[in-house]
PDB file of N, CA and C in Angstrom:
ATOM      1  N   MET A   1      -0.956   0.247 -20.646  1.00  0.00           N
ATOM      2  CA  MET A   1      -1.070  -0.513 -19.765  1.00  0.00           C
ATOM      3  C   MET A   1      -0.917   0.366 -18.491  1.00  0.00           C
ATOM      4  N   LEU A   2      -3.252   0.229 -17.702  1.00  0.00           N
ATOM      5  CA  LEU A   2      -3.059   1.279 -16.754  1.00  0.00           C
ATOM      6  C   LEU A   2      -2.132   1.201 -16.003  1.00  0.00           C
ATOM      7  N   GLU A   3      -2.422   2.860 -15.320  1.00  0.00           N
ATOM      8  CA  GLU A   3      -1.409   3.056 -14.301  1.00  0.00           C
ATOM      9  C   GLU A   3      -2.375   3.165 -13.207  1.00  0.00           C
ATOM     10  N   GLN A   4      -1.782   2.887 -11.669  1.00  0.00           N
ATOM     11  CA  GLN A   4      -2.899   2.125 -10.908  1.00  0.00           C
ATOM     12  C   GLN A   4      -2.876   3.340 -10.059  1.00  0.00           C
ATOM     13  N   SER A   5      -4.063   3.946  -9.374  1.00  0.00           N
ATOM     14  CA  SER A   5      -4.069   4.872  -8.466  1.00  0.00           C
ATOM     15  C   SER A   5      -3.448   4.661  -7.155  1.00  0.00           C
ATOM     16  N   ILE A   6      -3.300   5.916  -6.361  1.00  0.00           N
ATOM     17  CA  ILE A   6      -2.446   5.777  -5.132  1.00  0.00           C
ATOM     18  C   ILE A   6      -3.058   6.948  -4.433  1.00  0.00           C
ATOM     19  N   TYR A   7      -4.031   6.283  -3.390  1.00  0.00           N
ATOM     20  CA  TYR A   7      -4.462   7.707  -2.652  1.00  0.00           C
ATOM     21  C   TYR A   7      -3.836   7.566  -0.867  1.00  0.00           C
ATOM     22  N   ARG A   8      -4.316   8.891  -0.622  1.00  0.00           N
ATOM     23  CA  ARG A   8      -3.072   9.458   0.724  1.00  0.00           C
ATOM     24  C   ARG A   8      -4.539   9.479   1.640  1.00  0.00           C
ATOM     25  N   ILE A   9      -4.611   8.570   2.579  1.00  0.00           N
ATOM     26  CA  ILE A   9      -5.857   8.769   3.996  1.00  0.00           C
ATOM     27  C   ILE A   9      -5.136   9.307   4.880  1.00  0.00           C
ATOM     28  N   ASN A  10      -5.490  10.175   5.462  1.00  0.00           N
ATOM     29  CA  ASN A  10      -5.267  10.830   6.614  1.00  0.00           C
ATOM     30  C   ASN A  10      -6.522  10.428   7.351  1.00  0.00           C
ATOM     31  N   PHE A  11      -5.976  10.005   8.710  1.00  0.00           N
ATOM     32  CA  PHE A  11      -7.487   9.753   9.736  1.00  0.00           C
ATOM     33  C   PHE A  11      -7.069   9.818  11.155  1.00  0.00           C
ATOM     34  N   ILE A  12      -7.873  10.204  12.042  1.00  0.00           N
ATOM     35  CA  ILE A  12      -7.218   9.959  13.633  1.00  0.00           C
ATOM     36  C   ILE A  12      -7.770   8.661  14.442  1.00  0.00           C
ATOM     37  N   ASN A  13      -6.919   8.483  15.147  1.00  0.00           N
ATOM     38  CA  ASN A  13      -6.564   7.011  15.639  1.00  0.00           C
ATOM     39  C   ASN A  13      -5.951   7.452  17.158  1.00  0.00           C
ATOM     40  N   HIS A  14      -7.169   7.277  18.399  1.00  0.00           N
ATOM     41  CA  HIS A  14      -5.971   7.392  19.419  1.00  0.00           C
ATOM     42  C   HIS A  14      -5.388   8.575  19.595  1.00  0.00           C
ATOM     43  N   GLY A  15      -5.962   9.276  19.119  1.00  0.00           N
ATOM     44  CA  GLY A  15      -5.088  11.129  18.987  1.00  0.00           C
ATOM     45  C   GLY A  15      -4.491  11.224  18.427  1.00  0.00           C
ATOM     46  N   LYS A  16      -4.282  10.030  17.413  1.00  0.00           N
ATOM     47  CA  LYS A  16      -3.036  10.838  16.388  1.00  0.00           C
ATOM     48  C   LYS A  16      -3.433  10.872  15.310  1.00  0.00           C
ATOM     49  N   VAL A  17      -2.646  11.555  14.604  1.00  0.00           N
ATOM     50  CA  VAL A  17      -3.098  11.654  12.598  1.00  0.00           C
ATOM     51  C   VAL A  17      -2.476  10.164  12.838  1.00  0.00           C
ATOM     52  N   TYR A  18      -2.524   9.711  11.497  1.00  0.00           N
ATOM     53  CA  TYR A  18      -2.221   8.160  10.668  1.00  0.00           C
ATOM     54  C   TYR A  18      -2.414   8.863   9.236  1.00  0.00           C
ATOM     55  N   GLU A  19      -1.204   8.992   8.352  1.00  0.00           N
ATOM     56  CA  GLU A  19      -0.994   9.103   7.011  1.00  0.00           C
ATOM     57  C   GLU A  19      -0.367   7.920   6.450  1.00  0.00           C
ATOM     58  N   ILE A  20      -1.840   6.833   5.657  1.00  0.00           N
ATOM     59  CA  ILE A  20      -1.657   5.647   4.946  1.00  0.00           C
ATOM     60  C   ILE A  20      -1.362   6.059   4.166  1.00  0.00           C
ATOM     61  N   TYR A  21      -1.107   5.007   2.977  1.00  0.00           N
ATOM     62  CA  TYR A  21      -1.090   4.579   1.296  1.00  0.00           C
ATOM     63  C   TYR A  21      -1.959   3.494   0.729  1.00  0.00           C
ATOM     64  N   ALA A  22      -3.171   3.643  -0.101  1.00  0.00           N
ATOM     65  CA  ALA A  22      -3.699   1.961  -0.565  1.00  0.00           C
ATOM     66  C   ALA A  22      -3.896   2.423  -1.850  1.00  0.00           C
ATOM     67  N   SER A  23      -3.870   1.561  -2.526  1.00  0.00           N
ATOM     68  CA  SER A  23      -4.155   1.405  -4.022  1.00  0.00           C
ATOM     69  C   SER A  23      -6.249   1.315  -4.369  1.00  0.00           C
ATOM     70  N   HIS A  24      -6.640   1.595  -2.861  1.00  0.00           N
ATOM     71  CA  HIS A  24      -8.197   0.962  -2.844  1.00  0.00           C
ATOM     72  C   HIS A  24      -8.418   1.321  -1.970  1.00  0.00           C
ATOM     73  N   VAL A  25      -9.743   2.175  -2.307  1.00  0.00           N
ATOM     74  CA  VAL A  25     -10.851   2.995  -0.656  1.00  0.00           C
ATOM     75  C   VAL A  25     -11.720   3.096  -1.836  1.00  0.00           C
ATOM     76  N   GLY A  26     -12.689   2.611  -0.740  1.00  0.00           N
ATOM     77  CA  GLY A  26     -14.117   2.486  -1.237  1.00  0.00           C
ATOM     78  C   GLY A  26     -15.335   2.428  -0.072  1.00  0.00           C
ATOM     79  N   ALA A  27     -16.536   2.566  -0.146  1.00  0.00           N
ATOM     80  CA  ALA A  27     -17.569   2.480   0.544  1.00  0.00           C
ATOM     81  C   ALA A  27     -17.705   0.777   1.060  1.00  0.00           C
ATOM     82  N   SER A  28     -17.930   0.626   2.292  1.00  0.00           N
ATOM     83  CA  SER A  28     -17.793  -0.301   2.699  1.00  0.00           C
ATOM     84  C   SER A  28     -19.242  -1.598   2.903  1.00  0.00           C
ATOM     85  N   ASP A  29     -19.435  -2.533   3.661  1.00  0.00           N
ATOM     86  CA  ASP A  29     -20.566  -3.255   3.780  1.00  0.00           C
ATOM     87  C   ASP A  29     -21.154  -2.618   5.204  1.00  0.00           C
ATOM     88  N   MET A  30     -20.067  -2.369   5.729  1.00  0.00           N
ATOM     89  CA  MET A  30     -20.006  -1.883   7.252  1.00  0.00           C
ATOM     90  C   MET A  30     -20.707  -0.657   7.501  1.00  0.00           C
ATOM     91  N   LEU A  31     -21.866  -0.201   7.745  1.00  0.00           N
ATOM     92  CA  LEU A  31     -22.781   1.319   7.518  1.00  0.00           C
ATOM     93  C   LEU A  31     -21.461   1.610   8.815  1.00  0.00           C
ATOM     94  N   GLY A  32     -20.616   3.282   8.350  1.00  0.00           N
ATOM     95  CA  GLY A  32     -20.662   3.917   8.983  1.00  0.00           C
ATOM     96  C   GLY A  32     -18.648   3.988   8.864  1.00  0.00           C
ATOM     97  N   PHE A  33     -18.262   3.106   7.536  1.00  0.00           N
ATOM     98  CA  PHE A  33     -16.935   2.660   7.743  1.00  0.00           C
ATOM     99  C   PHE A  33     -16.833   2.772   6.073  1.00  0.00           C
ATOM    100  N   ILE A  34     -15.159   3.213   6.113  1.00  0.00           N
ATOM    101  CA  ILE A  34     -14.486   3.250   4.557  1.00  0.00           C
ATOM    102  C   ILE A  34     -13.948   1.758   4.401  1.00  0.00           C
ATOM    103  N   GLU A  35     -13.631   1.310   3.370  1.00  0.00           N
ATOM    104  CA  GLU A  35     -12.892   0.176   3.000  1.00  0.00           C
ATOM    105  C   GLU A  35     -11.552   0.694   2.756  1.00  0.00           C
ATOM    106  N   VAL A  36     -10.179   0.306   3.051  1.00  0.00           N
ATOM    107  CA  VAL A  36      -9.074   0.423   2.637  1.00  0.00           C
ATOM    108  C   VAL A  36      -8.088  -0.906   2.408  1.00  0.00           C
ATOM    109  N   SER A  37      -7.661  -1.099   1.080  1.00  0.00           N
ATOM    110  CA  SER A  37      -6.815  -2.051   0.789  1.00  0.00           C
ATOM    111  C   SER A  37      -5.775  -2.084   0.380  1.00  0.00           C
ATOM    112  N   HIS A  38      -4.962  -2.988   0.109  1.00  0.00           N
ATOM    113  CA  HIS A  38      -3.516  -2.909  -0.815  1.00  0.00           C
ATOM    114  C   HIS A  38      -2.578  -1.601  -0.701  1.00  0.00           C
ATOM    115  N   LEU A  39      -2.468  -1.739   1.176  1.00  0.00           N
ATOM    116  CA  LEU A  39      -1.709  -0.937   2.134  1.00  0.00           C
ATOM    117  C   LEU A  39      -0.535  -0.333   0.908  1.00  0.00           C
ATOM    118  N   GLN A  40       0.160   0.353   0.933  1.00  0.00           N
ATOM    119  CA  GLN A  40       1.391   0.558  -0.013  1.00  0.00           C
ATOM    120  C   GLN A  40       2.580   1.466   1.142  1.00  0.00           C
ATOM    121  N   PHE A  41       3.689   0.886   1.313  1.00  0.00           N
ATOM    122  CA  PHE A  41       4.833   1.824   1.894  1.00  0.00           C
ATOM    123  C   PHE A  41       6.002   1.893   0.343  1.00  0.00           C
ATOM    124  N   GLY A  42       6.779   2.673   1.117  1.00  0.00           N
ATOM    125  CA  GLY A  42       7.906   2.947   0.235  1.00  0.00           C
ATOM    126  C   GLY A  42       8.995   1.838   0.505  1.00  0.00           C
ATOM    127  N   GLU A  43       9.835   2.253  -0.669  1.00  0.00           N
ATOM    128  CA  GLU A  43      10.635   1.357  -1.037  1.00  0.00           C
ATOM    129  C   GLU A  43      11.376   0.384   0.018  1.00  0.00           C
ATOM    130  N   LYS A  44      11.258  -1.175  -0.136  1.00  0.00           N
ATOM    131  CA  LYS A  44      12.785  -1.917   0.869  1.00  0.00           C
ATOM    132  C   LYS A  44      13.655  -1.555   0.742  1.00  0.00           C
ATOM    133  N   SER A  45      13.831  -1.043  -0.443  1.00  0.00           N
ATOM    134  CA  SER A  45      15.924  -1.120  -0.918  1.00  0.00           C
ATOM    135  C   SER A  45      16.359   0.000   0.052  1.00  0.00           C
ATOM    136  N   SER A  46      15.303   0.953   0.182  1.00  0.00           N
ATOM    137  CA  SER A  46      16.407   1.976   0.535  1.00  0.00           C
ATOM    138  C   SER A  46      16.789   1.837   2.330  1.00  0.00           C
ATOM    139  N   VAL A  47      17.910   2.896   1.969  1.00  0.00           N
ATOM    140  CA  VAL A  47      18.996   2.449   3.150  1.00  0.00           C
ATOM    141  C   VAL A  47      18.482   3.280   4.438  1.00  0.00           C
ATOM    142  N   VAL A  48      18.265   4.301   4.385  1.00  0.00           N
ATOM    143  CA  VAL A  48      17.373   5.152   5.696  1.00  0.00           C
ATOM    144  C   VAL A  48      16.092   4.609   6.202  1.00  0.00           C
ATOM    145  N   LEU A  49      16.248   4.621   7.366  1.00  0.00           N
ATOM    146  CA  LEU A  49      14.655   3.676   7.632  1.00  0.00           C
ATOM    147  C   LEU A  49      14.009   5.019   8.335  1.00  0.00           C
ATOM    148  N   ASP A  50      13.258   4.856   8.318  1.00  0.00           N
ATOM    149  CA  ASP A  50      12.265   6.002   8.793  1.00  0.00           C
ATOM    150  C   ASP A  50      11.127   5.208   9.983  1.00  0.00           C
ATOM    151  N   PRO A  51      11.400   5.946  11.437  1.00  0.00           N
ATOM    152  CA  PRO A  51      11.144   4.581  12.503  1.00  0.00           C
ATOM    153  C   PRO A  51       9.180   4.851  12.378  1.00  0.00           C
ATOM    154  N   GLY A  52       8.763   6.259  11.798  1.00  0.00           N
ATOM    155  CA  GLY A  52       7.563   6.186  11.434  1.00  0.00           C
ATOM    156  C   GLY A  52       6.731   5.083  10.873  1.00  0.00           C
ATOM    157  N   GLU A  53       7.495   5.785   9.504  1.00  0.00           N
ATOM    158  CA  GLU A  53       6.521   4.117   8.429  1.00  0.00           C
ATOM    159  C   GLU A  53       7.266   2.991   9.023  1.00  0.00           C
ATOM    160  N   GLU A  54       8.715   2.996   9.647  1.00  0.00           N
ATOM    161  CA  GLU A  54       8.371   1.247  10.268  1.00  0.00           C
ATOM    162  C   GLU A  54       7.274   1.092  11.153  1.00  0.00           C
ATOM    163  N   SER A  55       7.249   1.510  11.758  1.00  0.00           N
ATOM    164  CA  SER A  55       5.925   1.027  13.208  1.00  0.00           C
ATOM    165  C   SER A  55       4.685   1.430  12.165  1.00  0.00           C
ATOM    166  N   LEU A  56       4.206   1.789  11.313  1.00  0.00           N
ATOM    167  CA  LEU A  56       3.169   1.536  10.464  1.00  0.00           C
ATOM    168  C   LEU A  56       2.516   0.283   9.957  1.00  0.00           C
ATOM    169  N   LYS A  57       4.333  -0.359   9.305  1.00  0.00           N
ATOM    170  CA  LYS A  57       4.846  -1.655   8.561  1.00  0.00           C
ATOM    171  C   LYS A  57       3.904  -2.360   9.297  1.00  0.00           C
ATOM    172  N   ASN A  58       4.746  -2.560  10.942  1.00  0.00           N
ATOM    173  CA  ASN A  58       4.361  -3.538  12.015  1.00  0.00           C
ATOM    174  C   ASN A  58       3.117  -3.218  11.763  1.00  0.00           C
ATOM    175  N   GLU A  59       2.334  -2.412  12.320  1.00  0.00           N
ATOM    176  CA  GLU A  59       1.315  -2.160  12.706  1.00  0.00           C
ATOM    177  C   GLU A  59      -0.146  -2.733  11.869  1.00  0.00           C
ATOM    178  N   PHE A  60       0.694  -2.284  10.457  1.00  0.00           N
ATOM    179  CA  PHE A  60      -0.016  -3.216   9.536  1.00  0.00           C
ATOM    180  C   PHE A  60       0.249  -4.149   8.768  1.00  0.00           C
ATOM    181  N   LYS A  61       1.220  -5.148   9.287  1.00  0.00           N
ATOM    182  CA  LYS A  61       2.159  -6.088   8.462  1.00  0.00           C
ATOM    183  C   LYS A  61       0.664  -7.085   7.941  1.00  0.00           C
ATOM    184  N   ARG A  62       0.054  -7.676   9.054  1.00  0.00           N
ATOM    185  CA  ARG A  62      -0.384  -9.064   8.252  1.00  0.00           C
ATOM    186  C   ARG A  62      -2.018  -8.365   8.313  1.00  0.00           C
ATOM    187  N   VAL A  63      -2.277  -7.176   7.014  1.00  0.00           N
ATOM    188  CA  VAL A  63      -3.672  -6.790   7.297  1.00  0.00           C
ATOM    189  C   VAL A  63      -3.918  -6.560   5.522  1.00  0.00           C
ATOM    190  N   LYS A  64      -5.397  -7.739   5.766  1.00  0.00           N
ATOM    191  CA  LYS A  64      -5.390  -7.663   4.298  1.00  0.00           C
ATOM    192  C   LYS A  64      -6.589  -6.493   3.837  1.00  0.00           C
ATOM    193  N   ARG A  65      -6.968  -6.100   4.909  1.00  0.00           N
ATOM    194  CA  ARG A  65      -7.721  -4.892   4.310  1.00  0.00           C
ATOM    195  C   ARG A  65      -8.150  -4.547   6.175  1.00  0.00           C
ATOM    196  N   THR A  66      -8.603  -2.828   5.900  1.00  0.00           N
ATOM    197  CA  THR A  66      -8.384  -2.142   7.176  1.00  0.00           C
ATOM    198  C   THR A  66     -10.040  -1.269   6.702  1.00  0.00           C
ATOM    199  N   TYR A  67     -10.764  -1.114   8.196  1.00  0.00           N
ATOM    200  CA  TYR A  67     -11.981  -0.384   7.771  1.00  0.00           C
ATOM    201  C   TYR A  67     -11.445   0.873   8.831  1.00  0.00           C
ATOM    202  N   ILE A  68     -12.177   1.940   8.187  1.00  0.00           N
ATOM    203  CA  ILE A  68     -12.200   3.212   9.100  1.00  0.00           C
ATOM    204  C   ILE A  68     -13.018   3.847   9.257  1.00  0.00           C
ATOM    205  N   PRO A  69     -13.400   4.417  10.549  1.00  0.00           N
ATOM    206  CA  PRO A  69     -14.563   5.051  11.127  1.00  0.00           C
ATOM    207  C   PRO A  69     -14.949   6.477  10.203  1.00  0.00           C
ATOM    208  N   LEU A  70     -15.776   6.375   9.533  1.00  0.00           N
ATOM    209  CA  LEU A  70     -16.278   7.710   8.628  1.00  0.00           C
ATOM    210  C   LEU A  70     -15.671   9.279   9.667  1.00  0.00           C
ATOM    211  N   HIS A  71     -16.270   9.064  10.759  1.00  0.00           N
ATOM    212  CA  HIS A  71     -15.604   9.743  11.851  1.00  0.00           C
ATOM    213  C   HIS A  71     -14.668  10.222  12.140  1.00  0.00           C
ATOM    214  N   ALA A  72     -13.580   9.272  11.629  1.00  0.00           N
ATOM    215  CA  ALA A  72     -11.991   9.848  11.790  1.00  0.00           C
ATOM    216  C   ALA A  72     -11.703  10.300  10.686  1.00  0.00           C
ATOM    217  N   VAL A  73     -12.174  10.069   9.537  1.00  0.00           N
ATOM    218  CA  VAL A  73     -11.378  10.391   8.272  1.00  0.00           C
ATOM    219  C   VAL A  73     -10.842  11.654   7.934  1.00  0.00           C
ATOM    220  N   ILE A  74     -10.266  12.234   7.957  1.00  0.00           N
ATOM    221  CA  ILE A  74      -9.826  13.618   7.639  1.00  0.00           C
ATOM    222  C   ILE A  74      -9.872  13.933   6.339  1.00  0.00           C
ATOM    223  N   ARG A  75      -9.041  13.212   5.618  1.00  0.00           N
ATOM    224  CA  ARG A  75      -9.725  13.644   3.922  1.00  0.00           C
ATOM    225  C   ARG A  75      -8.716  12.335   3.210  1.00  0.00           C
ATOM    226  N   ILE A  76      -9.220  12.175   2.127  1.00  0.00           N
ATOM    227  CA  ILE A  76      -8.352  11.488   1.329  1.00  0.00           C
ATOM    228  C   ILE A  76      -8.291  11.824   0.038  1.00  0.00           C
ATOM    229  N   ASP A  77      -6.775  11.643  -0.398  1.00  0.00           N
ATOM    230  CA  ASP A  77      -6.347  12.236  -1.860  1.00  0.00           C
ATOM    231  C   ASP A  77      -6.063  11.084  -2.740  1.00  0.00           C
ATOM    232  N   GLU A  78      -6.322  11.380  -3.879  1.00  0.00           N
ATOM    233  CA  GLU A  78      -5.502  10.778  -5.502  1.00  0.00           C
ATOM    234  C   GLU A  78      -4.526  11.176  -5.426  1.00  0.00           C
ATOM    235  N   VAL A  79      -3.235  10.705  -5.055  1.00  0.00           N
ATOM    236  CA  VAL A  79      -1.826  11.102  -5.573  1.00  0.00           C
ATOM    237  C   VAL A  79      -1.273  10.790  -6.682  1.00  0.00           C
ATOM    238  N   GLU A  80      -0.478  11.792  -7.329  1.00  0.00           N
ATOM    239  CA  GLU A  80       0.364  10.956  -8.073  1.00  0.00           C
ATOM    240  C   GLU A  80       1.807   9.676  -8.103  1.00  0.00           C
ATOM    241  N   LYS A  81       2.147  10.185  -7.196  1.00  0.00           N
ATOM    242  CA  LYS A  81       3.443   9.136  -6.355  1.00  0.00           C
ATOM    243  C   LYS A  81       3.052   8.758  -4.757  1.00  0.00           C
ATOM    244  N   LEU A  82       3.800   7.793  -4.305  1.00  0.00           N
ATOM    245  CA  LEU A  82       3.555   7.428  -2.701  1.00  0.00           C
ATOM    246  C   LEU A  82       4.598   7.967  -2.420  1.00  0.00           C
ATOM    247  N   GLY A  83       4.011   8.395  -1.346  1.00  0.00           N
ATOM    248  CA  GLY A  83       4.549   9.069   0.070  1.00  0.00           C
ATOM    249  C   GLY A  83       5.029   8.163   0.839  1.00  0.00           C
ATOM    250  N   HIS A  84       5.441   9.008   2.039  1.00  0.00           N
ATOM    251  CA  HIS A  84       6.025   8.378   3.242  1.00  0.00           C
ATOM    252  C   HIS A  84       4.859   8.155   4.239  1.00  0.00           C
ATOM    253  N   SER A  85       4.379   7.138   4.568  1.00  0.00           N
ATOM    254  CA  SER A  85       3.441   6.802   5.548  1.00  0.00           C
ATOM    255  C   SER A  85       3.861   7.315   6.816  1.00  0.00           C
ATOM    256  N   LYS A  86       2.747   8.230   7.843  1.00  0.00           N
ATOM    257  CA  LYS A  86       3.663   8.003   9.086  1.00  0.00           C
ATOM    258  C   LYS A  86       2.310   8.517  10.245  1.00  0.00           C
ATOM    259  N   ILE A  87       3.050   8.857  11.260  1.00  0.00           N
ATOM    260  CA  ILE A  87       1.943   9.115  12.830  1.00  0.00           C
ATOM    261  C   ILE A  87       2.440  10.193  13.280  1.00  0.00           C
ATOM    262  N   THR A  88       1.968  11.280  13.362  1.00  0.00           N
ATOM    263  CA  THR A  88       1.649  12.834  13.819  1.00  0.00           C
ATOM    264  C   THR A  88       1.201  12.737  15.134  1.00  0.00           C
ATOM    265  N   GLU A  89       1.512  13.750  15.718  1.00  0.00           N
ATOM    266  CA  GLU A  89       0.590  14.368  17.165  1.00  0.00           C
ATOM    267  C   GLU A  89      -0.332  15.071  16.522  1.00  0.00           C
ATOM    268  N   LEU A  90      -1.763  14.550  17.371  1.00  0.00           N
ATOM    269  CA  LEU A  90      -2.765  15.800  16.773  1.00  0.00           C
ATOM    270  C   LEU A  90      -2.789  17.030  17.621  1.00  0.00           C
ATOM    271  N   PRO A  91      -2.219  18.131  16.905  1.00  0.00           N
ATOM    272  CA  PRO A  91      -1.902  19.565  17.430  1.00  0.00           C
ATOM    273  C   PRO A  91      -3.226  19.735  19.161  1.00  0.00           C
ATOM    274  N   GLU A  92      -2.543  19.988  20.284  1.00  0.00           N
ATOM    275  CA  GLU A  92      -3.189  20.276  21.285  1.00  0.00           C
ATOM    276  C   GLU A  92      -4.666  21.062  21.588  1.00  0.00           C
ATOM    277  N   GLU A  93      -4.839  21.912  20.169  1.00  0.00           N
ATOM    278  CA  GLU A  93      -6.003  23.215  20.121  1.00  0.00           C
ATOM    279  C   GLU A  93      -6.630  22.523  19.463  1.00  0.00           C
ATOM    280  N   SER A  94      -6.476  21.282  18.761  1.00  0.00           N
ATOM    281  CA  SER A  94      -7.231  20.850  17.863  1.00  0.00           C
ATOM    282  C   SER A  94      -7.993  19.784  18.382  1.00  0.00           C
ATOM    283  N   LYS A  95      -7.570  18.544  19.568  1.00  0.00           N
ATOM    284  CA  LYS A  95      -8.143  17.688  20.493  1.00  0.00           C
ATOM    285  C   LYS A  95      -9.776  18.156  21.001  1.00  0.00           C
ATOM    286  N   ASP A  96      -9.893  19.881  21.292  1.00  0.00           N
ATOM    287  CA  ASP A  96     -11.156  20.117  21.746  1.00  0.00           C
ATOM    288  C   ASP A  96     -12.072  20.425  20.608  1.00  0.00           C
ATOM    289  N   ASN A  97     -10.877  20.387  19.450  1.00  0.00           N
ATOM    290  CA  ASN A  97     -12.394  21.240  18.790  1.00  0.00           C
ATOM    291  C   ASN A  97     -12.659  20.510  17.301  1.00  0.00           C
ATOM    292  N   VAL A  98     -12.565  18.689  17.923  1.00  0.00           N
ATOM    293  CA  VAL A  98     -12.630  17.678  16.872  1.00  0.00           C
ATOM    294  C   VAL A  98     -14.329  17.303  17.276  1.00  0.00           C
ATOM    295  N   THR A  99     -15.233  17.110  16.274  1.00  0.00           N
ATOM    296  CA  THR A  99     -16.372  16.602  16.713  1.00  0.00           C
ATOM    297  C   THR A  99     -16.865  15.760  15.421  1.00  0.00           C
ATOM    298  N   ALA A 100     -16.905  14.565  16.066  1.00  0.00           N
ATOM    299  CA  ALA A 100     -17.756  13.559  15.211  1.00  0.00           C
ATOM    300  C   ALA A 100     -19.123  13.703  14.698  1.00  0.00           C
ATOM    301  N   PHE A 101     -18.994  13.416  13.183  1.00  0.00           N
ATOM    302  CA  PHE A 101     -20.005  13.818  11.905  1.00  0.00           C
ATOM    303  C   PHE A 101     -20.784  13.299  12.376  1.00  0.00           C
ATOM    304  N   PRO A 102     -22.044  13.557  12.567  1.00  0.00           N
ATOM    305  CA  PRO A 102     -23.411  12.767  12.487  1.00  0.00           C
ATOM    306  C   PRO A 102     -23.693  11.685  11.291  1.00  0.00           C
ATOM    307  N   LEU A 103     -23.883  10.105  12.449  1.00  0.00           N
ATOM    308  CA  LEU A 103     -24.361   9.292  11.256  1.00  0.00           C
ATOM    309  C   LEU A 103     -25.547   8.967  11.439  1.00  0.00           C
ATOM    310  N   PHE A 104     -26.179   8.384  10.211  1.00  0.00           N
ATOM    311  CA  PHE A 104     -28.032   7.940  10.188  1.00  0.00           C
ATOM    312  C   PHE A 104     -28.014   6.618  11.143  1.00  0.00           C
ATOM    313  N   THR A 105     -28.435   6.122  11.108  1.00  0.00           N
ATOM    314  CA  THR A 105     -28.796   5.255  12.364  1.00  0.00           C
ATOM    315  C   THR A 105     -29.552   3.992  11.495  1.00  0.00           C
ATOM    316  N   SER A 106     -30.136   4.265  10.504  1.00  0.00           N
ATOM    317  CA  SER A 106     -30.874   3.327   9.586  1.00  0.00           C
ATOM    318  C   SER A 106     -30.163   2.554   9.045  1.00  0.00           C
ATOM    319  N   LYS A 107     -30.767   1.142   8.605  1.00  0.00           N
ATOM    320  CA  LYS A 107     -30.146  -0.093   7.946  1.00  0.00           C
ATOM    321  C   LYS A 107     -30.551   0.753   6.404  1.00  0.00           C
ATOM    322  N   PRO A 108     -29.980   0.025   5.402  1.00  0.00           N
ATOM    323  CA  PRO A 108     -30.185   0.094   4.244  1.00  0.00           C
ATOM    324  C   PRO A 108     -31.719  -0.560   3.928  1.00  0.00           C
ATOM    325  N   ASP A 109     -31.889  -1.740   4.108  1.00  0.00           N
ATOM    326  CA  ASP A 109     -33.447  -2.837   4.414  1.00  0.00           C
ATOM    327  C   ASP A 109     -34.338  -1.356   5.241  1.00  0.00           C
ATOM    328  N   GLY A 110     -34.121  -0.367   5.552  1.00  0.00           N
ATOM    329  CA  GLY A 110     -35.176   0.211   5.761  1.00  0.00           C
ATOM    330  C   GLY A 110     -35.567   0.375   7.329  1.00  0.00           C
ATOM    331  N   ASP A 111     -34.886  -0.349   7.902  1.00  0.00           N
ATOM    332  CA  ASP A 111     -35.128  -0.728   9.129  1.00  0.00           C
ATOM    333  C   ASP A 111     -34.301   0.418  10.265  1.00  0.00           C
ATOM    334  N   HIS A 112     -34.858   1.018  10.625  1.00  0.00           N
ATOM    335  CA  HIS A 112     -34.906   2.393  11.428  1.00  0.00           C
ATOM    336  C   HIS A 112     -33.966   2.129  13.059  1.00  0.00           C
ATOM    337  N   GLY A 113     -33.309   0.570  12.757  1.00  0.00           N
ATOM    338  CA  GLY A 113     -33.079   0.318  14.733  1.00  0.00           C
ATOM    339  C   GLY A 113     -34.451   0.263  15.994  1.00  0.00           C
ATOM    340  N   ALA A 114     -35.616   0.899  15.477  1.00  0.00           N
ATOM    341  CA  ALA A 114     -36.827   0.727  16.304  1.00  0.00           C
ATOM    342  C   ALA A 114     -37.130  -0.826  16.338  1.00  0.00           C
ATOM    343  N   PRO A 115     -36.916  -0.868  17.682  1.00  0.00           N
ATOM    344  CA  PRO A 115     -37.349  -2.418  18.793  1.00  0.00           C
ATOM    345  C   PRO A 115     -38.566  -3.004  17.881  1.00  0.00           C
ATOM    346  N   SER A 116     -38.468  -4.140  17.441  1.00  0.00           N
ATOM    347  CA  SER A 116     -39.782  -5.513  16.612  1.00  0.00           C
ATOM    348  C   SER A 116     -40.829  -5.654  18.269  1.00  0.00           C
TER     349      SER A 116
END
């Protein structure tokens, strides 16, 4: 039986750092985004509930696939086991030091965005 990969994705959203887990991460058809699907959360049978993970479960409850802007991604790791999803505050000193990665404006078909 093939073991399914698990990815930890850290990204910035509204001044907070999101950490989510998924079994699929890949390039998106939408330029400048990554596609994340098959989101995974901790065991439902656990007695202790983590409010941070519960808020993420609610936020992504009916999400089949999410698209994250490339400039918001901090890192993506393939991990051995599922961890706890969470939302943390971005440190104050980091808020001024975060710079968006420059993106290309040309489309894959060679159109460089110039008016016709």
